[in-house]
Amino acid sequence: MADEELFKGAYLGMSDKKGNKLHNGDTVTFNWKGEWVKCVIVYHEGMFCLKWPDGYINKGSLNPSNYTKVNA
């Protein structure tokens, strides 16, 4: 079984700025350089990352205090 499937729906141990628990597969919105964007939290190469609308996977650290969960 691929790691992506193994961690499907897994709780990240983090909450968004409204206190909603974040899980793998959740969509979050946040302000990036003056624009609101929606990204999906995905498990990729051993860590939870943001997948951008264009498919790019950001392998940087998550900053949930800036996120609002869309599918709460």
PDB file of N, CA and C in Angstrom:
ATOM      1  N   MET A   1       0.847  -1.186   0.000  1.00  0.00           N
ATOM      2  CA  MET A   1       0.000   0.000   0.000  1.00  0.00           C
ATOM      3  C   MET A   1       0.889   1.244   0.000  1.00  0.00           C
ATOM      4  N   ALA A   2       0.592   2.197  -0.857  1.00  0.00           N
ATOM      5  CA  ALA A   2       1.368   3.437  -0.947  1.00  0.00           C
ATOM      6  C   ALA A   2       1.131   4.294   0.299  1.00  0.00           C
ATOM      7  N   ASP A   3       2.151   5.069   0.684  1.00  0.00           N
ATOM      8  CA  ASP A   3       2.028   5.952   1.839  1.00  0.00           C
ATOM      9  C   ASP A   3       0.861   6.917   1.695  1.00  0.00           C
ATOM     10  N   GLU A   4       0.609   7.367   0.471  1.00  0.00           N
ATOM     11  CA  GLU A   4      -0.481   8.304   0.233  1.00  0.00           C
ATOM     12  C   GLU A   4      -1.811   7.701   0.676  1.00  0.00           C
ATOM     13  N   GLU A   5      -2.006   6.424   0.407  1.00  0.00           N
ATOM     14  CA  GLU A   5      -3.232   5.739   0.812  1.00  0.00           C
ATOM     15  C   GLU A   5      -3.217   5.431   2.307  1.00  0.00           C
ATOM     16  N   LEU A   6      -2.063   5.077   2.830  1.00  0.00           N
ATOM     17  CA  LEU A   6      -1.927   4.749   4.244  1.00  0.00           C
ATOM     18  C   LEU A   6      -2.336   5.924   5.122  1.00  0.00           C
ATOM     19  N   PHE A   7      -2.004   7.142   4.716  1.00  0.00           N
ATOM     20  CA  PHE A   7      -2.273   8.325   5.518  1.00  0.00           C
ATOM     21  C   PHE A   7      -3.520   9.090   5.071  1.00  0.00           C
ATOM     22  N   LYS A   8      -4.333   8.504   4.201  1.00  0.00           N
ATOM     23  CA  LYS A   8      -5.548   9.166   3.719  1.00  0.00           C
ATOM     24  C   LYS A   8      -6.451   9.495   4.906  1.00  0.00           C
ATOM     25  N   GLY A   9      -6.810  10.782   5.053  1.00  0.00           N
ATOM     26  CA  GLY A   9      -7.679  11.225   6.133  1.00  0.00           C
ATOM     27  C   GLY A   9      -7.016  11.334   7.493  1.00  0.00           C
ATOM     28  N   ALA A  10      -5.708  11.097   7.562  1.00  0.00           N
ATOM     29  CA  ALA A  10      -4.999  11.123   8.850  1.00  0.00           C
ATOM     30  C   ALA A  10      -5.006  12.523   9.461  1.00  0.00           C
ATOM     31  N   TYR A  11      -5.206  12.567  10.774  1.00  0.00           N
ATOM     32  CA  TYR A  11      -5.153  13.829  11.520  1.00  0.00           C
ATOM     33  C   TYR A  11      -3.700  14.274  11.624  1.00  0.00           C
ATOM     34  N   LEU A  12      -3.426  15.543  11.341  1.00  0.00           N
ATOM     35  CA  LEU A  12      -2.067  16.064  11.333  1.00  0.00           C
ATOM     36  C   LEU A  12      -1.559  16.441  12.718  1.00  0.00           C
ATOM     37  N   GLY A  13      -2.460  16.512  13.703  1.00  0.00           N
ATOM     38  CA  GLY A  13      -2.057  16.981  15.026  1.00  0.00           C
ATOM     39  C   GLY A  13      -2.002  18.500  15.071  1.00  0.00           C
ATOM     40  N   MET A  14      -2.646  19.136  14.102  1.00  0.00           N
ATOM     41  CA  MET A  14      -2.664  20.593  13.990  1.00  0.00           C
ATOM     42  C   MET A  14      -4.092  21.061  13.726  1.00  0.00           C
ATOM     43  N   SER A  15      -4.330  22.339  14.042  1.00  0.00           N
ATOM     44  CA  SER A  15      -5.625  22.953  13.770  1.00  0.00           C
ATOM     45  C   SER A  15      -5.419  24.243  12.996  1.00  0.00           C
ATOM     46  N   ASP A  16      -6.451  24.639  12.244  1.00  0.00           N
ATOM     47  CA  ASP A  16      -6.375  25.901  11.513  1.00  0.00           C
ATOM     48  C   ASP A  16      -6.607  27.068  12.473  1.00  0.00           C
ATOM     49  N   LYS A  17      -6.642  28.278  11.951  1.00  0.00           N
ATOM     50  CA  LYS A  17      -6.744  29.456  12.817  1.00  0.00           C
ATOM     51  C   LYS A  17      -8.094  29.565  13.515  1.00  0.00           C
ATOM     52  N   LYS A  18      -9.089  28.780  13.095  1.00  0.00           N
ATOM     53  CA  LYS A  18     -10.397  28.772  13.753  1.00  0.00           C
ATOM     54  C   LYS A  18     -10.561  27.593  14.712  1.00  0.00           C
ATOM     55  N   GLY A  19      -9.509  26.780  14.823  1.00  0.00           N
ATOM     56  CA  GLY A  19      -9.558  25.636  15.729  1.00  0.00           C
ATOM     57  C   GLY A  19     -10.044  24.345  15.106  1.00  0.00           C
ATOM     58  N   ASN A  20     -10.280  24.328  13.786  1.00  0.00           N
ATOM     59  CA  ASN A  20     -10.704  23.111  13.094  1.00  0.00           C
ATOM     60  C   ASN A  20      -9.516  22.177  12.918  1.00  0.00           C
ATOM     61  N   LYS A  21      -9.680  20.916  13.275  1.00  0.00           N
ATOM     62  CA  LYS A  21      -8.609  19.935  13.107  1.00  0.00           C
ATOM     63  C   LYS A  21      -8.317  19.731  11.624  1.00  0.00           C
ATOM     64  N   LEU A  22      -7.043  19.620  11.298  1.00  0.00           N
ATOM     65  CA  LEU A  22      -6.618  19.427   9.911  1.00  0.00           C
ATOM     66  C   LEU A  22      -6.252  17.971   9.657  1.00  0.00           C
ATOM     67  N   HIS A  23      -6.694  17.469   8.509  1.00  0.00           N
ATOM     68  CA  HIS A  23      -6.452  16.088   8.100  1.00  0.00           C
ATOM     69  C   HIS A  23      -5.876  16.053   6.686  1.00  0.00           C
ATOM     70  N   ASN A  24      -5.191  14.970   6.385  1.00  0.00           N
ATOM     71  CA  ASN A  24      -4.713  14.745   5.031  1.00  0.00           C
ATOM     72  C   ASN A  24      -5.918  14.731   4.094  1.00  0.00           C
ATOM     73  N   GLY A  25      -5.856  15.511   3.027  1.00  0.00           N
ATOM     74  CA  GLY A  25      -6.947  15.599   2.059  1.00  0.00           C
ATOM     75  C   GLY A  25      -7.821  16.827   2.238  1.00  0.00           C
ATOM     76  N   ASP A  26      -7.661  17.557   3.358  1.00  0.00           N
ATOM     77  CA  ASP A  26      -8.442  18.770   3.579  1.00  0.00           C
ATOM     78  C   ASP A  26      -8.002  19.880   2.629  1.00  0.00           C
ATOM     79  N   THR A  27      -8.955  20.722   2.268  1.00  0.00           N
ATOM     80  CA  THR A  27      -8.669  21.917   1.489  1.00  0.00           C
ATOM     81  C   THR A  27      -8.598  23.090   2.451  1.00  0.00           C
ATOM     82  N   VAL A  28      -7.566  23.903   2.293  1.00  0.00           N
ATOM     83  CA  VAL A  28      -7.393  25.093   3.137  1.00  0.00           C
ATOM     84  C   VAL A  28      -7.220  26.316   2.247  1.00  0.00           C
ATOM     85  N   THR A  29      -7.572  27.463   2.783  1.00  0.00           N
ATOM     86  CA  THR A  29      -7.374  28.718   2.068  1.00  0.00           C
ATOM     87  C   THR A  29      -6.512  29.630   2.927  1.00  0.00           C
ATOM     88  N   PHE A  30      -5.720  30.468   2.275  1.00  0.00           N
ATOM     89  CA  PHE A  30      -4.858  31.420   2.973  1.00  0.00           C
ATOM     90  C   PHE A  30      -4.417  32.496   1.996  1.00  0.00           C
ATOM     91  N   ASN A  31      -3.923  33.579   2.540  1.00  0.00           N
ATOM     92  CA  ASN A  31      -3.471  34.697   1.725  1.00  0.00           C
ATOM     93  C   ASN A  31      -2.002  34.503   1.371  1.00  0.00           C
ATOM     94  N   TRP A  32      -1.707  34.511   0.073  1.00  0.00           N
ATOM     95  CA  TRP A  32      -0.338  34.362  -0.404  1.00  0.00           C
ATOM     96  C   TRP A  32      -0.015  35.536  -1.324  1.00  0.00           C
ATOM     97  N   LYS A  33       0.856  36.403  -0.851  1.00  0.00           N
ATOM     98  CA  LYS A  33       1.281  37.574  -1.629  1.00  0.00           C
ATOM     99  C   LYS A  33       0.094  38.407  -2.104  1.00  0.00           C
ATOM    100  N   GLY A  34      -0.876  38.621  -1.204  1.00  0.00           N
ATOM    101  CA  GLY A  34      -2.012  39.475  -1.502  1.00  0.00           C
ATOM    102  C   GLY A  34      -3.172  38.803  -2.208  1.00  0.00           C
ATOM    103  N   GLU A  35      -3.069  37.507  -2.479  1.00  0.00           N
ATOM    104  CA  GLU A  35      -4.150  36.778  -3.135  1.00  0.00           C
ATOM    105  C   GLU A  35      -4.566  35.590  -2.290  1.00  0.00           C
ATOM    106  N   TRP A  36      -5.875  35.297  -2.277  1.00  0.00           N
ATOM    107  CA  TRP A  36      -6.380  34.131  -1.565  1.00  0.00           C
ATOM    108  C   TRP A  36      -6.248  32.909  -2.451  1.00  0.00           C
ATOM    109  N   VAL A  37      -5.633  31.869  -1.919  1.00  0.00           N
ATOM    110  CA  VAL A  37      -5.440  30.615  -2.661  1.00  0.00           C
ATOM    111  C   VAL A  37      -6.034  29.457  -1.869  1.00  0.00           C
ATOM    112  N   LYS A  38      -6.400  28.407  -2.601  1.00  0.00           N
ATOM    113  CA  LYS A  38      -6.869  27.165  -1.988  1.00  0.00           C
ATOM    114  C   LYS A  38      -5.878  26.067  -2.331  1.00  0.00           C
ATOM    115  N   CYS A  39      -5.441  25.360  -1.310  1.00  0.00           N
ATOM    116  CA  CYS A  39      -4.528  24.237  -1.493  1.00  0.00           C
ATOM    117  C   CYS A  39      -5.079  23.024  -0.758  1.00  0.00           C
ATOM    118  N   VAL A  40      -4.618  21.852  -1.139  1.00  0.00           N
ATOM    119  CA  VAL A  40      -5.018  20.603  -0.500  1.00  0.00           C
ATOM    120  C   VAL A  40      -3.828  20.067   0.285  1.00  0.00           C
ATOM    121  N   ILE A  41      -4.092  19.601   1.503  1.00  0.00           N
ATOM    122  CA  ILE A  41      -3.042  18.978   2.303  1.00  0.00           C
ATOM    123  C   ILE A  41      -2.865  17.547   1.808  1.00  0.00           C
ATOM    124  N   VAL A  42      -1.634  17.192   1.460  1.00  0.00           N
ATOM    125  CA  VAL A  42      -1.331  15.853   0.954  1.00  0.00           C
ATOM    126  C   VAL A  42      -0.116  15.285   1.682  1.00  0.00           C
ATOM    127  N   TYR A  43      -0.045  13.963   1.734  1.00  0.00           N
ATOM    128  CA  TYR A  43       1.139  13.284   2.270  1.00  0.00           C
ATOM    129  C   TYR A  43       2.027  12.955   1.088  1.00  0.00           C
ATOM    130  N   HIS A  44       3.274  13.446   1.127  1.00  0.00           N
ATOM    131  CA  HIS A  44       4.172  13.296  -0.014  1.00  0.00           C
ATOM    132  C   HIS A  44       5.608  13.142   0.486  1.00  0.00           C
ATOM    133  N   GLU A  45       6.264  12.092   0.049  1.00  0.00           N
ATOM    134  CA  GLU A  45       7.671  11.846   0.377  1.00  0.00           C
ATOM    135  C   GLU A  45       7.958  11.970   1.877  1.00  0.00           C
ATOM    136  N   GLY A  46       7.085  11.358   2.686  1.00  0.00           N
ATOM    137  CA  GLY A  46       7.335  11.270   4.120  1.00  0.00           C
ATOM    138  C   GLY A  46       6.892  12.460   4.953  1.00  0.00           C
ATOM    139  N   MET A  47       6.149  13.390   4.351  1.00  0.00           N
ATOM    140  CA  MET A  47       5.695  14.544   5.123  1.00  0.00           C
ATOM    141  C   MET A  47       4.380  15.083   4.569  1.00  0.00           C
ATOM    142  N   PHE A  48       3.673  15.845   5.414  1.00  0.00           N
ATOM    143  CA  PHE A  48       2.450  16.499   4.962  1.00  0.00           C
ATOM    144  C   PHE A  48       2.834  17.820   4.304  1.00  0.00           C
ATOM    145  N   CYS A  49       2.269  18.062   3.135  1.00  0.00           N
ATOM    146  CA  CYS A  49       2.612  19.223   2.310  1.00  0.00           C
ATOM    147  C   CYS A  49       1.339  19.862   1.765  1.00  0.00           C
ATOM    148  N   LEU A  50       1.516  21.007   1.111  1.00  0.00           N
ATOM    149  CA  LEU A  50       0.406  21.655   0.413  1.00  0.00           C
ATOM    150  C   LEU A  50       0.529  21.399  -1.080  1.00  0.00           C
ATOM    151  N   LYS A  51      -0.579  20.979  -1.689  1.00  0.00           N
ATOM    152  CA  LYS A  51      -0.641  20.822  -3.132  1.00  0.00           C
ATOM    153  C   LYS A  51      -1.406  22.014  -3.682  1.00  0.00           C
ATOM    154  N   TRP A  52      -0.736  22.817  -4.496  1.00  0.00           N
ATOM    155  CA  TRP A  52      -1.291  24.040  -5.061  1.00  0.00           C
ATOM    156  C   TRP A  52      -2.221  23.719  -6.226  1.00  0.00           C
ATOM    157  N   PRO A  53      -3.079  24.670  -6.608  1.00  0.00           N
ATOM    158  CA  PRO A  53      -4.030  24.428  -7.711  1.00  0.00           C
ATOM    159  C   PRO A  53      -3.373  23.985  -9.021  1.00  0.00           C
ATOM    160  N   ASP A  54      -2.132  24.418  -9.257  1.00  0.00           N
ATOM    161  CA  ASP A  54      -1.446  24.027 -10.499  1.00  0.00           C
ATOM    162  C   ASP A  54      -0.762  22.661 -10.401  1.00  0.00           C
ATOM    163  N   GLY A  55      -0.906  21.987  -9.228  1.00  0.00           N
ATOM    164  CA  GLY A  55      -0.318  20.664  -9.040  1.00  0.00           C
ATOM    165  C   GLY A  55       1.016  20.661  -8.335  1.00  0.00           C
ATOM    166  N   TYR A  56       1.622  21.843  -8.161  1.00  0.00           N
ATOM    167  CA  TYR A  56       2.904  21.935  -7.463  1.00  0.00           C
ATOM    168  C   TYR A  56       2.737  21.507  -6.011  1.00  0.00           C
ATOM    169  N   ILE A  57       3.658  20.704  -5.509  1.00  0.00           N
ATOM    170  CA  ILE A  57       3.630  20.275  -4.116  1.00  0.00           C
ATOM    171  C   ILE A  57       4.743  20.986  -3.370  1.00  0.00           C
ATOM    172  N   ASN A  58       4.349  21.838  -2.432  1.00  0.00           N
ATOM    173  CA  ASN A  58       5.288  22.609  -1.620  1.00  0.00           C
ATOM    174  C   ASN A  58       5.765  21.730  -0.476  1.00  0.00           C
ATOM    175  N   LYS A  59       7.044  21.440  -0.432  1.00  0.00           N
ATOM    176  CA  LYS A  59       7.596  20.547   0.584  1.00  0.00           C
ATOM    177  C   LYS A  59       8.079  21.298   1.822  1.00  0.00           C
ATOM    178  N   GLY A  60       7.681  22.559   1.944  1.00  0.00           N
ATOM    179  CA  GLY A  60       8.048  23.340   3.126  1.00  0.00           C
ATOM    180  C   GLY A  60       7.150  23.004   4.304  1.00  0.00           C
ATOM    181  N   SER A  61       7.489  23.539   5.450  1.00  0.00           N
ATOM    182  CA  SER A  61       6.706  23.312   6.662  1.00  0.00           C
ATOM    183  C   SER A  61       5.315  23.931   6.538  1.00  0.00           C
ATOM    184  N   LEU A  62       4.340  23.255   7.112  1.00  0.00           N
ATOM    185  CA  LEU A  62       2.978  23.789   7.143  1.00  0.00           C
ATOM    186  C   LEU A  62       2.897  24.879   8.204  1.00  0.00           C
ATOM    187  N   ASN A  63       2.062  25.870   7.958  1.00  0.00           N
ATOM    188  CA  ASN A  63       1.853  26.965   8.903  1.00  0.00           C
ATOM    189  C   ASN A  63       0.348  27.107   9.147  1.00  0.00           C
ATOM    190  N   PRO A  64      -0.235  26.171   9.923  1.00  0.00           N
ATOM    191  CA  PRO A  64      -1.686  26.128  10.051  1.00  0.00           C
ATOM    192  C   PRO A  64      -2.321  27.350  10.709  1.00  0.00           C
ATOM    193  N   SER A  65      -1.552  28.158  11.404  1.00  0.00           N
ATOM    194  CA  SER A  65      -2.124  29.356  12.027  1.00  0.00           C
ATOM    195  C   SER A  65      -2.571  30.376  10.973  1.00  0.00           C
ATOM    196  N   ASN A  66      -2.140  30.190   9.723  1.00  0.00           N
ATOM    197  CA  ASN A  66      -2.557  31.077   8.624  1.00  0.00           C
ATOM    198  C   ASN A  66      -3.688  30.474   7.790  1.00  0.00           C
ATOM    199  N   TYR A  67      -4.030  29.211   8.003  1.00  0.00           N
ATOM    200  CA  TYR A  67      -4.992  28.507   7.161  1.00  0.00           C
ATOM    201  C   TYR A  67      -6.408  28.569   7.719  1.00  0.00           C
ATOM    202  N   THR A  68      -7.374  28.541   6.814  1.00  0.00           N
ATOM    203  CA  THR A  68      -8.769  28.327   7.167  1.00  0.00           C
ATOM    204  C   THR A  68      -9.221  27.090   6.405  1.00  0.00           C
ATOM    205  N   LYS A  69      -9.710  26.101   7.137  1.00  0.00           N
ATOM    206  CA  LYS A  69     -10.175  24.876   6.521  1.00  0.00           C
ATOM    207  C   LYS A  69     -11.458  25.162   5.747  1.00  0.00           C
ATOM    208  N   VAL A  70     -11.491  24.773   4.461  1.00  0.00           N
ATOM    209  CA  VAL A  70     -12.631  25.047   3.602  1.00  0.00           C
ATOM    210  C   VAL A  70     -13.714  23.993   3.791  1.00  0.00           C
ATOM    211  N   ASN A  71     -13.331  22.749   3.891  1.00  0.00           N
ATOM    212  CA  ASN A  71     -14.301  21.661   4.009  1.00  0.00           C
ATOM    213  C   ASN A  71     -14.507  21.261   5.461  1.00  0.00           C
ATOM    214  N   ALA A  72     -14.753  22.264   6.332  1.00  0.00           N
ATOM    215  CA  ALA A  72     -14.925  22.013   7.770  1.00  0.00           C
ATOM    216  C   ALA A  72     -16.286  21.413   8.061  1.00  0.00           C
TER     217      ALA A  72
END
